[in-house]
Amino acid sequence: MVRRKLYLVAGAAALATGTIGIFLPLLPTVPFYILAAFCFGRSNPAWEARLLNHPRFGVHIRAWRERGAISLRAKRLAVTMLLASAVVGLLTLTWPWSLLPATVALCTGTWIWTRPSGA
């Protein structure tokens, strides 16, 4: 019972964060909605169904859940934002800290790009 409530709270927090991401350019939406669907799947199946059937985000959540797929458009956008962040880090941080954003961007971008395309 406690575990179910924790999943419900985590799902609500992820849903709220994803919704905020609609309005804040650098905060992603779909990854938080994927997390919310996962949490609601263990706490509130009705909310999980609402996310899975959402006209805009449901297709991305289902693609990730079924195939681990990320749409090509989302991949391009994510890698572009990672590259921009790495460049800002390289230009504004001192050595060796300037390598940290570039390293994170390289690792994360590689992981994103190697996921199946779809949705």
PDB file of N, CA and C in Angstrom:
ATOM      1  N   MET A   1       0.820  -1.195   0.000  1.00  0.00           N
ATOM      2  CA  MET A   1       0.000   0.000   0.000  1.00  0.00           C
ATOM      3  C   MET A   1       0.866   1.262   0.000  1.00  0.00           C
ATOM      4  N   VAL A   2       1.905   1.273   0.829  1.00  0.00           N
ATOM      5  CA  VAL A   2       2.796   2.431   0.883  1.00  0.00           C
ATOM      6  C   VAL A   2       3.534   2.571  -0.450  1.00  0.00           C
ATOM      7  N   ARG A   3       3.957   1.445  -1.002  1.00  0.00           N
ATOM      8  CA  ARG A   3       4.667   1.462  -2.273  1.00  0.00           C
ATOM      9  C   ARG A   3       3.787   2.045  -3.385  1.00  0.00           C
ATOM     10  N   ARG A   4       2.530   1.666  -3.383  1.00  0.00           N
ATOM     11  CA  ARG A   4       1.589   2.174  -4.391  1.00  0.00           C
ATOM     12  C   ARG A   4       1.436   3.690  -4.267  1.00  0.00           C
ATOM     13  N   LYS A   5       1.349   4.178  -3.040  1.00  0.00           N
ATOM     14  CA  LYS A   5       1.225   5.624  -2.828  1.00  0.00           C
ATOM     15  C   LYS A   5       2.492   6.357  -3.272  1.00  0.00           C
ATOM     16  N   LEU A   6       3.651   5.755  -3.025  1.00  0.00           N
ATOM     17  CA  LEU A   6       4.904   6.367  -3.470  1.00  0.00           C
ATOM     18  C   LEU A   6       4.961   6.455  -4.997  1.00  0.00           C
ATOM     19  N   TYR A   7       4.523   5.393  -5.664  1.00  0.00           N
ATOM     20  CA  TYR A   7       4.468   5.430  -7.128  1.00  0.00           C
ATOM     21  C   TYR A   7       3.487   6.491  -7.613  1.00  0.00           C
ATOM     22  N   LEU A   8       2.378   6.641  -6.921  1.00  0.00           N
ATOM     23  CA  LEU A   8       1.387   7.651  -7.295  1.00  0.00           C
ATOM     24  C   LEU A   8       1.967   9.062  -7.155  1.00  0.00           C
ATOM     25  N   VAL A   9       2.651   9.317  -6.049  1.00  0.00           N
ATOM     26  CA  VAL A   9       3.272  10.631  -5.828  1.00  0.00           C
ATOM     27  C   VAL A   9       4.375  10.875  -6.860  1.00  0.00           C
ATOM     28  N   ALA A  10       5.195   9.860  -7.112  1.00  0.00           N
ATOM     29  CA  ALA A  10       6.263  10.006  -8.108  1.00  0.00           C
ATOM     30  C   ALA A  10       5.677  10.250  -9.500  1.00  0.00           C
ATOM     31  N   GLY A  11       4.598   9.551  -9.823  1.00  0.00           N
ATOM     32  CA  GLY A  11       3.941   9.750 -11.116  1.00  0.00           C
ATOM     33  C   GLY A  11       3.374  11.147 -11.249  1.00  0.00           C
ATOM     34  N   ALA A  12       2.747  11.634 -10.190  1.00  0.00           N
ATOM     35  CA  ALA A  12       2.188  12.992 -10.216  1.00  0.00           C
ATOM     36  C   ALA A  12       3.302  14.031 -10.351  1.00  0.00           C
ATOM     37  N   ALA A  13       4.419  13.810  -9.653  1.00  0.00           N
ATOM     38  CA  ALA A  13       5.550  14.744  -9.751  1.00  0.00           C
ATOM     39  C   ALA A  13       6.145  14.730 -11.160  1.00  0.00           C
ATOM     40  N   ALA A  14       6.285  13.548 -11.743  1.00  0.00           N
ATOM     41  CA  ALA A  14       6.813  13.452 -13.107  1.00  0.00           C
ATOM     42  C   ALA A  14       5.859  14.098 -14.107  1.00  0.00           C
ATOM     43  N   LEU A  15       4.572  13.892 -13.913  1.00  0.00           N
ATOM     44  CA  LEU A  15       3.577  14.505 -14.796  1.00  0.00           C
ATOM     45  C   LEU A  15       3.629  16.031 -14.692  1.00  0.00           C
ATOM     46  N   ALA A  16       3.736  16.534 -13.470  1.00  0.00           N
ATOM     47  CA  ALA A  16       3.818  17.990 -13.272  1.00  0.00           C
ATOM     48  C   ALA A  16       5.090  18.552 -13.905  1.00  0.00           C
ATOM     49  N   THR A  17       6.208  17.864 -13.714  1.00  0.00           N
ATOM     50  CA  THR A  17       7.472  18.330 -14.286  1.00  0.00           C
ATOM     51  C   THR A  17       7.418  18.311 -15.813  1.00  0.00           C
ATOM     52  N   GLY A  18       6.850  17.250 -16.375  1.00  0.00           N
ATOM     53  CA  GLY A  18       6.700  17.182 -17.827  1.00  0.00           C
ATOM     54  C   GLY A  18       5.805  18.276 -18.365  1.00  0.00           C
ATOM     55  N   THR A  19       4.756  18.593 -17.633  1.00  0.00           N
ATOM     56  CA  THR A  19       3.841  19.653 -18.055  1.00  0.00           C
ATOM     57  C   THR A  19       4.537  21.008 -18.009  1.00  0.00           C
ATOM     58  N   ILE A  20       5.347  21.233 -16.995  1.00  0.00           N
ATOM     59  CA  ILE A  20       6.133  22.468 -16.929  1.00  0.00           C
ATOM     60  C   ILE A  20       7.083  22.533 -18.129  1.00  0.00           C
ATOM     61  N   GLY A  21       7.591  21.367 -18.541  1.00  0.00           N
ATOM     62  CA  GLY A  21       8.494  21.303 -19.684  1.00  0.00           C
ATOM     63  C   GLY A  21       7.869  21.753 -20.991  1.00  0.00           C
ATOM     64  N   ILE A  22       6.551  21.742 -21.069  1.00  0.00           N
ATOM     65  CA  ILE A  22       5.878  22.258 -22.268  1.00  0.00           C
ATOM     66  C   ILE A  22       6.176  23.747 -22.428  1.00  0.00           C
ATOM     67  N   PHE A  23       6.293  24.437 -21.308  1.00  0.00           N
ATOM     68  CA  PHE A  23       6.459  25.892 -21.327  1.00  0.00           C
ATOM     69  C   PHE A  23       7.903  26.356 -21.167  1.00  0.00           C
ATOM     70  N   LEU A  24       8.772  25.512 -20.640  1.00  0.00           N
ATOM     71  CA  LEU A  24      10.189  25.856 -20.475  1.00  0.00           C
ATOM     72  C   LEU A  24      11.000  25.158 -21.563  1.00  0.00           C
ATOM     73  N   PRO A  25      11.662  25.900 -22.411  1.00  0.00           N
ATOM     74  CA  PRO A  25      12.305  25.329 -23.594  1.00  0.00           C
ATOM     75  C   PRO A  25      13.329  24.225 -23.334  1.00  0.00           C
ATOM     76  N   LEU A  26      14.104  24.293 -22.277  1.00  0.00           N
ATOM     77  CA  LEU A  26      15.155  23.299 -22.067  1.00  0.00           C
ATOM     78  C   LEU A  26      14.738  22.120 -21.193  1.00  0.00           C
ATOM     79  N   LEU A  27      13.527  22.135 -20.683  1.00  0.00           N
ATOM     80  CA  LEU A  27      13.044  21.036 -19.849  1.00  0.00           C
ATOM     81  C   LEU A  27      12.221  20.093 -20.722  1.00  0.00           C
ATOM     82  N   PRO A  28      12.632  18.830 -20.841  1.00  0.00           N
ATOM     83  CA  PRO A  28      11.906  17.920 -21.728  1.00  0.00           C
ATOM     84  C   PRO A  28      10.541  17.535 -21.159  1.00  0.00           C
ATOM     85  N   THR A  29       9.641  17.165 -22.031  1.00  0.00           N
ATOM     86  CA  THR A  29       8.294  16.775 -21.631  1.00  0.00           C
ATOM     87  C   THR A  29       8.120  15.265 -21.670  1.00  0.00           C
ATOM     88  N   VAL A  30       8.376  14.666 -22.830  1.00  0.00           N
ATOM     89  CA  VAL A  30       8.072  13.250 -23.034  1.00  0.00           C
ATOM     90  C   VAL A  30       8.812  12.331 -22.059  1.00  0.00           C
ATOM     91  N   PRO A  31      10.114  12.538 -21.762  1.00  0.00           N
ATOM     92  CA  PRO A  31      10.756  11.631 -20.801  1.00  0.00           C
ATOM     93  C   PRO A  31      10.063  11.623 -19.432  1.00  0.00           C
ATOM     94  N   PHE A  32       9.585  12.780 -19.001  1.00  0.00           N
ATOM     95  CA  PHE A  32       8.870  12.822 -17.722  1.00  0.00           C
ATOM     96  C   PHE A  32       7.507  12.150 -17.837  1.00  0.00           C
ATOM     97  N   TYR A  33       6.861  12.266 -18.997  1.00  0.00           N
ATOM     98  CA  TYR A  33       5.586  11.575 -19.200  1.00  0.00           C
ATOM     99  C   TYR A  33       5.795  10.061 -19.269  1.00  0.00           C
ATOM    100  N   ILE A  34       6.911   9.619 -19.829  1.00  0.00           N
ATOM    101  CA  ILE A  34       7.233   8.187 -19.844  1.00  0.00           C
ATOM    102  C   ILE A  34       7.411   7.689 -18.413  1.00  0.00           C
ATOM    103  N   LEU A  35       8.131   8.454 -17.605  1.00  0.00           N
ATOM    104  CA  LEU A  35       8.303   8.100 -16.194  1.00  0.00           C
ATOM    105  C   LEU A  35       6.965   8.092 -15.470  1.00  0.00           C
ATOM    106  N   ALA A  36       6.115   9.081 -15.746  1.00  0.00           N
ATOM    107  CA  ALA A  36       4.795   9.140 -15.112  1.00  0.00           C
ATOM    108  C   ALA A  36       3.965   7.917 -15.487  1.00  0.00           C
ATOM    109  N   ALA A  37       3.999   7.510 -16.759  1.00  0.00           N
ATOM    110  CA  ALA A  37       3.241   6.330 -17.191  1.00  0.00           C
ATOM    111  C   ALA A  37       3.741   5.081 -16.472  1.00  0.00           C
ATOM    112  N   PHE A  38       5.057   4.977 -16.310  1.00  0.00           N
ATOM    113  CA  PHE A  38       5.629   3.849 -15.576  1.00  0.00           C
ATOM    114  C   PHE A  38       5.103   3.820 -14.138  1.00  0.00           C
ATOM    115  N   CYS A  39       5.156   4.964 -13.477  1.00  0.00           N
ATOM    116  CA  CYS A  39       4.706   5.047 -12.078  1.00  0.00           C
ATOM    117  C   CYS A  39       3.205   4.797 -11.958  1.00  0.00           C
ATOM    118  N   PHE A  40       2.427   5.381 -12.866  1.00  0.00           N
ATOM    119  CA  PHE A  40       0.982   5.185 -12.815  1.00  0.00           C
ATOM    120  C   PHE A  40       0.609   3.741 -13.148  1.00  0.00           C
ATOM    121  N   GLY A  41       1.428   3.058 -13.932  1.00  0.00           N
ATOM    122  CA  GLY A  41       1.187   1.645 -14.220  1.00  0.00           C
ATOM    123  C   GLY A  41       1.257   0.789 -12.973  1.00  0.00           C
ATOM    124  N   ARG A  42       1.935   1.284 -11.959  1.00  0.00           N
ATOM    125  CA  ARG A  42       2.059   0.556 -10.695  1.00  0.00           C
ATOM    126  C   ARG A  42       1.183   1.129  -9.586  1.00  0.00           C
ATOM    127  N   SER A  43       0.463   2.211  -9.907  1.00  0.00           N
ATOM    128  CA  SER A  43      -0.338   2.832  -8.845  1.00  0.00           C
ATOM    129  C   SER A  43      -1.748   3.199  -9.280  1.00  0.00           C
ATOM    130  N   ASN A  44      -1.930   3.658 -10.505  1.00  0.00           N
ATOM    131  CA  ASN A  44      -3.238   4.139 -10.938  1.00  0.00           C
ATOM    132  C   ASN A  44      -3.412   3.859 -12.432  1.00  0.00           C
ATOM    133  N   PRO A  45      -3.937   2.672 -12.775  1.00  0.00           N
ATOM    134  CA  PRO A  45      -4.078   2.290 -14.184  1.00  0.00           C
ATOM    135  C   PRO A  45      -4.916   3.265 -15.015  1.00  0.00           C
ATOM    136  N   ALA A  46      -5.845   3.963 -14.404  1.00  0.00           N
ATOM    137  CA  ALA A  46      -6.666   4.922 -15.159  1.00  0.00           C
ATOM    138  C   ALA A  46      -5.807   6.089 -15.646  1.00  0.00           C
ATOM    139  N   TRP A  47      -4.914   6.585 -14.814  1.00  0.00           N
ATOM    140  CA  TRP A  47      -4.031   7.686 -15.221  1.00  0.00           C
ATOM    141  C   TRP A  47      -3.015   7.189 -16.257  1.00  0.00           C
ATOM    142  N   GLU A  48      -2.556   5.960 -16.080  1.00  0.00           N
ATOM    143  CA  GLU A  48      -1.651   5.379 -17.073  1.00  0.00           C
ATOM    144  C   GLU A  48      -2.342   5.326 -18.439  1.00  0.00           C
ATOM    145  N   ALA A  49      -3.587   4.870 -18.460  1.00  0.00           N
ATOM    146  CA  ALA A  49      -4.342   4.781 -19.715  1.00  0.00           C
ATOM    147  C   ALA A  49      -4.529   6.161 -20.342  1.00  0.00           C
ATOM    148  N   ARG A  50      -4.779   7.165 -19.524  1.00  0.00           N
ATOM    149  CA  ARG A  50      -4.932   8.529 -20.061  1.00  0.00           C
ATOM    150  C   ARG A  50      -3.656   8.996 -20.752  1.00  0.00           C
ATOM    151  N   LEU A  51      -2.515   8.694 -20.146  1.00  0.00           N
ATOM    152  CA  LEU A  51      -1.247   9.079 -20.774  1.00  0.00           C
ATOM    153  C   LEU A  51      -1.002   8.289 -22.061  1.00  0.00           C
ATOM    154  N   LEU A  52      -1.251   6.990 -22.017  1.00  0.00           N
ATOM    155  CA  LEU A  52      -1.015   6.156 -23.192  1.00  0.00           C
ATOM    156  C   LEU A  52      -1.933   6.514 -24.350  1.00  0.00           C
ATOM    157  N   ASN A  53      -3.109   7.028 -24.046  1.00  0.00           N
ATOM    158  CA  ASN A  53      -4.077   7.389 -25.081  1.00  0.00           C
ATOM    159  C   ASN A  53      -4.076   8.877 -25.413  1.00  0.00           C
ATOM    160  N   HIS A  54      -3.147   9.619 -24.845  1.00  0.00           N
ATOM    161  CA  HIS A  54      -3.084  11.056 -25.120  1.00  0.00           C
ATOM    162  C   HIS A  54      -2.808  11.266 -26.606  1.00  0.00           C
ATOM    163  N   PRO A  55      -3.550  12.178 -27.261  1.00  0.00           N
ATOM    164  CA  PRO A  55      -3.395  12.340 -28.708  1.00  0.00           C
ATOM    165  C   PRO A  55      -2.011  12.818 -29.157  1.00  0.00           C
ATOM    166  N   ARG A  56      -1.317  13.566 -28.342  1.00  0.00           N
ATOM    167  CA  ARG A  56      -0.013  14.087 -28.759  1.00  0.00           C
ATOM    168  C   ARG A  56       1.166  13.287 -28.196  1.00  0.00           C
ATOM    169  N   PHE A  57       1.094  12.929 -26.930  1.00  0.00           N
ATOM    170  CA  PHE A  57       2.241  12.298 -26.276  1.00  0.00           C
ATOM    171  C   PHE A  57       2.134  10.783 -26.184  1.00  0.00           C
ATOM    172  N   GLY A  58       0.927  10.246 -26.308  1.00  0.00           N
ATOM    173  CA  GLY A  58       0.718   8.808 -26.162  1.00  0.00           C
ATOM    174  C   GLY A  58       1.530   7.976 -27.133  1.00  0.00           C
ATOM    175  N   VAL A  59       1.634   8.429 -28.373  1.00  0.00           N
ATOM    176  CA  VAL A  59       2.374   7.664 -29.378  1.00  0.00           C
ATOM    177  C   VAL A  59       3.853   7.545 -28.995  1.00  0.00           C
ATOM    178  N   HIS A  60       4.427   8.599 -28.439  1.00  0.00           N
ATOM    179  CA  HIS A  60       5.838   8.566 -28.028  1.00  0.00           C
ATOM    180  C   HIS A  60       6.032   7.666 -26.809  1.00  0.00           C
ATOM    181  N   ILE A  61       5.101   7.721 -25.885  1.00  0.00           N
ATOM    182  CA  ILE A  61       5.189   6.876 -24.691  1.00  0.00           C
ATOM    183  C   ILE A  61       5.083   5.408 -25.086  1.00  0.00           C
ATOM    184  N   ARG A  62       4.124   5.088 -25.950  1.00  0.00           N
ATOM    185  CA  ARG A  62       3.953   3.698 -26.392  1.00  0.00           C
ATOM    186  C   ARG A  62       5.164   3.216 -27.196  1.00  0.00           C
ATOM    187  N   ALA A  63       5.724   4.076 -28.053  1.00  0.00           N
ATOM    188  CA  ALA A  63       6.901   3.686 -28.847  1.00  0.00           C
ATOM    189  C   ALA A  63       8.081   3.360 -27.937  1.00  0.00           C
ATOM    190  N   TRP A  64       8.267   4.162 -26.899  1.00  0.00           N
ATOM    191  CA  TRP A  64       9.357   3.893 -25.959  1.00  0.00           C
ATOM    192  C   TRP A  64       9.092   2.604 -25.187  1.00  0.00           C
ATOM    193  N   ARG A  65       7.877   2.444 -24.734  1.00  0.00           N
ATOM    194  CA  ARG A  65       7.523   1.285 -23.925  1.00  0.00           C
ATOM    195  C   ARG A  65       7.627  -0.010 -24.733  1.00  0.00           C
ATOM    196  N   GLU A  66       7.192   0.018 -25.980  1.00  0.00           N
ATOM    197  CA  GLU A  66       7.145  -1.204 -26.786  1.00  0.00           C
ATOM    198  C   GLU A  66       8.476  -1.535 -27.458  1.00  0.00           C
ATOM    199  N   ARG A  67       9.200  -0.517 -27.928  1.00  0.00           N
ATOM    200  CA  ARG A  67      10.403  -0.770 -28.715  1.00  0.00           C
ATOM    201  C   ARG A  67      11.631  -0.012 -28.235  1.00  0.00           C
ATOM    202  N   GLY A  68      11.485   0.810 -27.210  1.00  0.00           N
ATOM    203  CA  GLY A  68      12.601   1.651 -26.782  1.00  0.00           C
ATOM    204  C   GLY A  68      12.959   2.670 -27.852  1.00  0.00           C
ATOM    205  N   ALA A  69      11.947   3.102 -28.623  1.00  0.00           N
ATOM    206  CA  ALA A  69      12.173   3.960 -29.785  1.00  0.00           C
ATOM    207  C   ALA A  69      11.971   5.434 -29.455  1.00  0.00           C
ATOM    208  N   ILE A  70      12.762   6.265 -30.128  1.00  0.00           N
ATOM    209  CA  ILE A  70      12.665   7.722 -30.033  1.00  0.00           C
ATOM    210  C   ILE A  70      12.507   8.235 -31.461  1.00  0.00           C
ATOM    211  N   SER A  71      11.578   9.149 -31.672  1.00  0.00           N
ATOM    212  CA  SER A  71      11.363   9.658 -33.028  1.00  0.00           C
ATOM    213  C   SER A  71      12.617  10.371 -33.529  1.00  0.00           C
ATOM    214  N   LEU A  72      12.809  10.328 -34.838  1.00  0.00           N
ATOM    215  CA  LEU A  72      13.981  10.963 -35.437  1.00  0.00           C
ATOM    216  C   LEU A  72      13.995  12.462 -35.154  1.00  0.00           C
ATOM    217  N   ARG A  73      12.834  13.078 -35.178  1.00  0.00           N
ATOM    218  CA  ARG A  73      12.741  14.517 -34.881  1.00  0.00           C
ATOM    219  C   ARG A  73      13.204  14.804 -33.446  1.00  0.00           C
ATOM    220  N   ALA A  74      12.766  13.970 -32.502  1.00  0.00           N
ATOM    221  CA  ALA A  74      13.166  14.153 -31.103  1.00  0.00           C
ATOM    222  C   ALA A  74      14.660  13.906 -30.929  1.00  0.00           C
ATOM    223  N   LYS A  75      15.194  12.919 -31.644  1.00  0.00           N
ATOM    224  CA  LYS A  75      16.634  12.664 -31.576  1.00  0.00           C
ATOM    225  C   LYS A  75      17.421  13.883 -32.058  1.00  0.00           C
ATOM    226  N   ARG A  76      17.006  14.409 -33.196  1.00  0.00           N
ATOM    227  CA  ARG A  76      17.709  15.575 -33.747  1.00  0.00           C
ATOM    228  C   ARG A  76      17.662  16.758 -32.787  1.00  0.00           C
ATOM    229  N   LEU A  77      16.483  17.005 -32.235  1.00  0.00           N
ATOM    230  CA  LEU A  77      16.331  18.122 -31.303  1.00  0.00           C
ATOM    231  C   LEU A  77      17.186  17.910 -30.057  1.00  0.00           C
ATOM    232  N   ALA A  78      17.151  16.712 -29.495  1.00  0.00           N
ATOM    233  CA  ALA A  78      17.918  16.427 -28.280  1.00  0.00           C
ATOM    234  C   ALA A  78      19.417  16.579 -28.520  1.00  0.00           C
ATOM    235  N   VAL A  79      19.900  16.016 -29.606  1.00  0.00           N
ATOM    236  CA  VAL A  79      21.334  16.096 -29.894  1.00  0.00           C
ATOM    237  C   VAL A  79      21.747  17.541 -30.188  1.00  0.00           C
ATOM    238  N   THR A  80      20.891  18.300 -30.856  1.00  0.00           N
ATOM    239  CA  THR A  80      21.187  19.715 -31.111  1.00  0.00           C
ATOM    240  C   THR A  80      21.286  20.492 -29.803  1.00  0.00           C
ATOM    241  N   MET A  81      20.357  20.258 -28.888  1.00  0.00           N
ATOM    242  CA  MET A  81      20.388  20.944 -27.592  1.00  0.00           C
ATOM    243  C   MET A  81      21.613  20.524 -26.780  1.00  0.00           C
ATOM    244  N   LEU A  82      21.960  19.241 -26.835  1.00  0.00           N
ATOM    245  CA  LEU A  82      23.161  18.776 -26.139  1.00  0.00           C
ATOM    246  C   LEU A  82      24.409  19.446 -26.707  1.00  0.00           C
ATOM    247  N   LEU A  83      24.472  19.543 -28.023  1.00  0.00           N
ATOM    248  CA  LEU A  83      25.615  20.193 -28.666  1.00  0.00           C
ATOM    249  C   LEU A  83      25.705  21.665 -28.270  1.00  0.00           C
ATOM    250  N   ALA A  84      24.570  22.346 -28.269  1.00  0.00           N
ATOM    251  CA  ALA A  84      24.556  23.761 -27.869  1.00  0.00           C
ATOM    252  C   ALA A  84      25.029  23.920 -26.424  1.00  0.00           C
ATOM    253  N   SER A  85      24.567  23.041 -25.545  1.00  0.00           N
ATOM    254  CA  SER A  85      24.990  23.099 -24.137  1.00  0.00           C
ATOM    255  C   SER A  85      26.487  22.847 -24.005  1.00  0.00           C
ATOM    256  N   ALA A  86      26.998  21.897 -24.774  1.00  0.00           N
ATOM    257  CA  ALA A  86      28.428  21.597 -24.721  1.00  0.00           C
ATOM    258  C   ALA A  86      29.254  22.786 -25.202  1.00  0.00           C
ATOM    259  N   VAL A  87      28.808  23.440 -26.258  1.00  0.00           N
ATOM    260  CA  VAL A  87      29.530  24.609 -26.775  1.00  0.00           C
ATOM    261  C   VAL A  87      29.532  25.734 -25.745  1.00  0.00           C
ATOM    262  N   VAL A  88      28.389  25.977 -25.120  1.00  0.00           N
ATOM    263  CA  VAL A  88      28.320  27.010 -24.075  1.00  0.00           C
ATOM    264  C   VAL A  88      29.285  26.663 -22.944  1.00  0.00           C
ATOM    265  N   GLY A  89      29.311  25.402 -22.544  1.00  0.00           N
ATOM    266  CA  GLY A  89      30.231  24.973 -21.494  1.00  0.00           C
ATOM    267  C   GLY A  89      31.683  25.162 -21.882  1.00  0.00           C
ATOM    268  N   LEU A  90      32.013  24.813 -23.120  1.00  0.00           N
ATOM    269  CA  LEU A  90      33.391  24.980 -23.588  1.00  0.00           C
ATOM    270  C   LEU A  90      33.806  26.447 -23.630  1.00  0.00           C
ATOM    271  N   LEU A  91      32.858  27.328 -23.926  1.00  0.00           N
ATOM    272  CA  LEU A  91      33.172  28.755 -24.040  1.00  0.00           C
ATOM    273  C   LEU A  91      33.168  29.498 -22.704  1.00  0.00           C
ATOM    274  N   THR A  92      32.453  28.989 -21.722  1.00  0.00           N
ATOM    275  CA  THR A  92      32.293  29.747 -20.475  1.00  0.00           C
ATOM    276  C   THR A  92      32.998  29.144 -19.262  1.00  0.00           C
ATOM    277  N   LEU A  93      33.303  27.878 -19.295  1.00  0.00           N
ATOM    278  CA  LEU A  93      33.933  27.244 -18.135  1.00  0.00           C
ATOM    279  C   LEU A  93      35.446  27.185 -18.309  1.00  0.00           C
ATOM    280  N   THR A  94      36.139  27.089 -17.190  1.00  0.00           N
ATOM    281  CA  THR A  94      37.599  26.984 -17.234  1.00  0.00           C
ATOM    282  C   THR A  94      38.006  25.519 -17.332  1.00  0.00           C
ATOM    283  N   TRP A  95      39.245  25.336 -17.797  1.00  0.00           N
ATOM    284  CA  TRP A  95      39.809  23.998 -17.887  1.00  0.00           C
ATOM    285  C   TRP A  95      39.964  23.413 -16.499  1.00  0.00           C
ATOM    286  N   PRO A  96      39.710  22.196 -16.180  1.00  0.00           N
ATOM    287  CA  PRO A  96      39.214  21.101 -16.998  1.00  0.00           C
ATOM    288  C   PRO A  96      37.680  20.991 -16.984  1.00  0.00           C
ATOM    289  N   TRP A  97      37.032  21.911 -16.259  1.00  0.00           N
ATOM    290  CA  TRP A  97      35.571  21.841 -16.125  1.00  0.00           C
ATOM    291  C   TRP A  97      34.855  22.007 -17.459  1.00  0.00           C
ATOM    292  N   SER A  98      35.486  22.655 -18.392  1.00  0.00           N
ATOM    293  CA  SER A  98      34.855  22.870 -19.695  1.00  0.00           C
ATOM    294  C   SER A  98      34.646  21.560 -20.460  1.00  0.00           C
ATOM    295  N   LEU A  99      35.397  20.526 -20.087  1.00  0.00           N
ATOM    296  CA  LEU A  99      35.238  19.231 -20.752  1.00  0.00           C
ATOM    297  C   LEU A  99      34.037  18.446 -20.232  1.00  0.00           C
ATOM    298  N   LEU A 100      33.560  18.777 -19.052  1.00  0.00           N
ATOM    299  CA  LEU A 100      32.454  18.017 -18.462  1.00  0.00           C
ATOM    300  C   LEU A 100      31.183  18.082 -19.310  1.00  0.00           C
ATOM    301  N   PRO A 101      30.689  19.266 -19.689  1.00  0.00           N
ATOM    302  CA  PRO A 101      29.477  19.289 -20.524  1.00  0.00           C
ATOM    303  C   PRO A 101      29.675  18.588 -21.873  1.00  0.00           C
ATOM    304  N   ALA A 102      30.859  18.716 -22.448  1.00  0.00           N
ATOM    305  CA  ALA A 102      31.125  18.060 -23.730  1.00  0.00           C
ATOM    306  C   ALA A 102      31.106  16.542 -23.581  1.00  0.00           C
ATOM    307  N   THR A 103      31.675  16.041 -22.496  1.00  0.00           N
ATOM    308  CA  THR A 103      31.692  14.601 -22.254  1.00  0.00           C
ATOM    309  C   THR A 103      30.285  14.069 -22.016  1.00  0.00           C
ATOM    310  N   VAL A 104      29.522  14.777 -21.197  1.00  0.00           N
ATOM    311  CA  VAL A 104      28.135  14.368 -20.936  1.00  0.00           C
ATOM    312  C   VAL A 104      27.324  14.408 -22.229  1.00  0.00           C
ATOM    313  N   ALA A 105      27.495  15.455 -23.019  1.00  0.00           N
ATOM    314  CA  ALA A 105      26.766  15.572 -24.288  1.00  0.00           C
ATOM    315  C   ALA A 105      27.143  14.442 -25.242  1.00  0.00           C
ATOM    316  N   LEU A 106      28.420  14.113 -25.305  1.00  0.00           N
ATOM    317  CA  LEU A 106      28.867  13.036 -26.188  1.00  0.00           C
ATOM    318  C   LEU A 106      28.262  11.697 -25.773  1.00  0.00           C
ATOM    319  N   CYS A 107      28.336  11.384 -24.489  1.00  0.00           N
ATOM    320  CA  CYS A 107      27.795  10.108 -24.002  1.00  0.00           C
ATOM    321  C   CYS A 107      26.275  10.043 -24.164  1.00  0.00           C
ATOM    322  N   THR A 108      25.597  11.095 -23.738  1.00  0.00           N
ATOM    323  CA  THR A 108      24.140  11.118 -23.820  1.00  0.00           C
ATOM    324  C   THR A 108      23.672  11.135 -25.269  1.00  0.00           C
ATOM    325  N   GLY A 109      24.305  11.944 -26.093  1.00  0.00           N
ATOM    326  CA  GLY A 109      23.934  12.014 -27.504  1.00  0.00           C
ATOM    327  C   GLY A 109      24.131  10.690 -28.222  1.00  0.00           C
ATOM    328  N   THR A 110      25.229  10.007 -27.912  1.00  0.00           N
ATOM    329  CA  THR A 110      25.473   8.691 -28.505  1.00  0.00           C
ATOM    330  C   THR A 110      24.393   7.710 -28.082  1.00  0.00           C
ATOM    331  N   TRP A 111      24.046   7.716 -26.812  1.00  0.00           N
ATOM    332  CA  TRP A 111      23.004   6.809 -26.323  1.00  0.00           C
ATOM    333  C   TRP A 111      21.673   7.099 -27.020  1.00  0.00           C
ATOM    334  N   ILE A 112      21.303   8.366 -27.102  1.00  0.00           N
ATOM    335  CA  ILE A 112      20.037   8.738 -27.753  1.00  0.00           C
ATOM    336  C   ILE A 112      20.051   8.307 -29.217  1.00  0.00           C
ATOM    337  N   TRP A 113      21.138   8.593 -29.922  1.00  0.00           N
ATOM    338  CA  TRP A 113      21.184   8.327 -31.356  1.00  0.00           C
ATOM    339  C   TRP A 113      21.159   6.829 -31.666  1.00  0.00           C
ATOM    340  N   THR A 114      21.625   5.989 -30.726  1.00  0.00           N
ATOM    341  CA  THR A 114      21.641   4.544 -30.978  1.00  0.00           C
ATOM    342  C   THR A 114      20.323   3.859 -30.624  1.00  0.00           C
ATOM    343  N   ARG A 115      19.370   4.581 -30.060  1.00  0.00           N
ATOM    344  CA  ARG A 115      18.038   4.003 -29.818  1.00  0.00           C
ATOM    345  C   ARG A 115      17.336   3.833 -31.161  1.00  0.00           C
ATOM    346  N   PRO A 116      16.432   2.856 -31.250  1.00  0.00           N
ATOM    347  CA  PRO A 116      15.664   2.707 -32.495  1.00  0.00           C
ATOM    348  C   PRO A 116      14.849   3.965 -32.786  1.00  0.00           C
ATOM    349  N   SER A 117      14.679   4.256 -34.066  1.00  0.00           N
ATOM    350  CA  SER A 117      13.846   5.398 -34.461  1.00  0.00           C
ATOM    351  C   SER A 117      12.412   4.920 -34.636  1.00  0.00           C
ATOM    352  N   GLY A 118      11.492   5.773 -34.292  1.00  0.00           N
ATOM    353  CA  GLY A 118      10.085   5.421 -34.447  1.00  0.00           C
ATOM    354  C   GLY A 118       9.211   6.447 -33.789  1.00  0.00           C
ATOM    355  N   ALA A 119       7.928   6.191 -33.815  1.00  0.00           N
ATOM    356  CA  ALA A 119       6.890   7.046 -33.224  1.00  0.00           C
ATOM    357  C   ALA A 119       6.502   8.031 -34.194  1.00  0.00           C
TER     358      ALA A 119
END
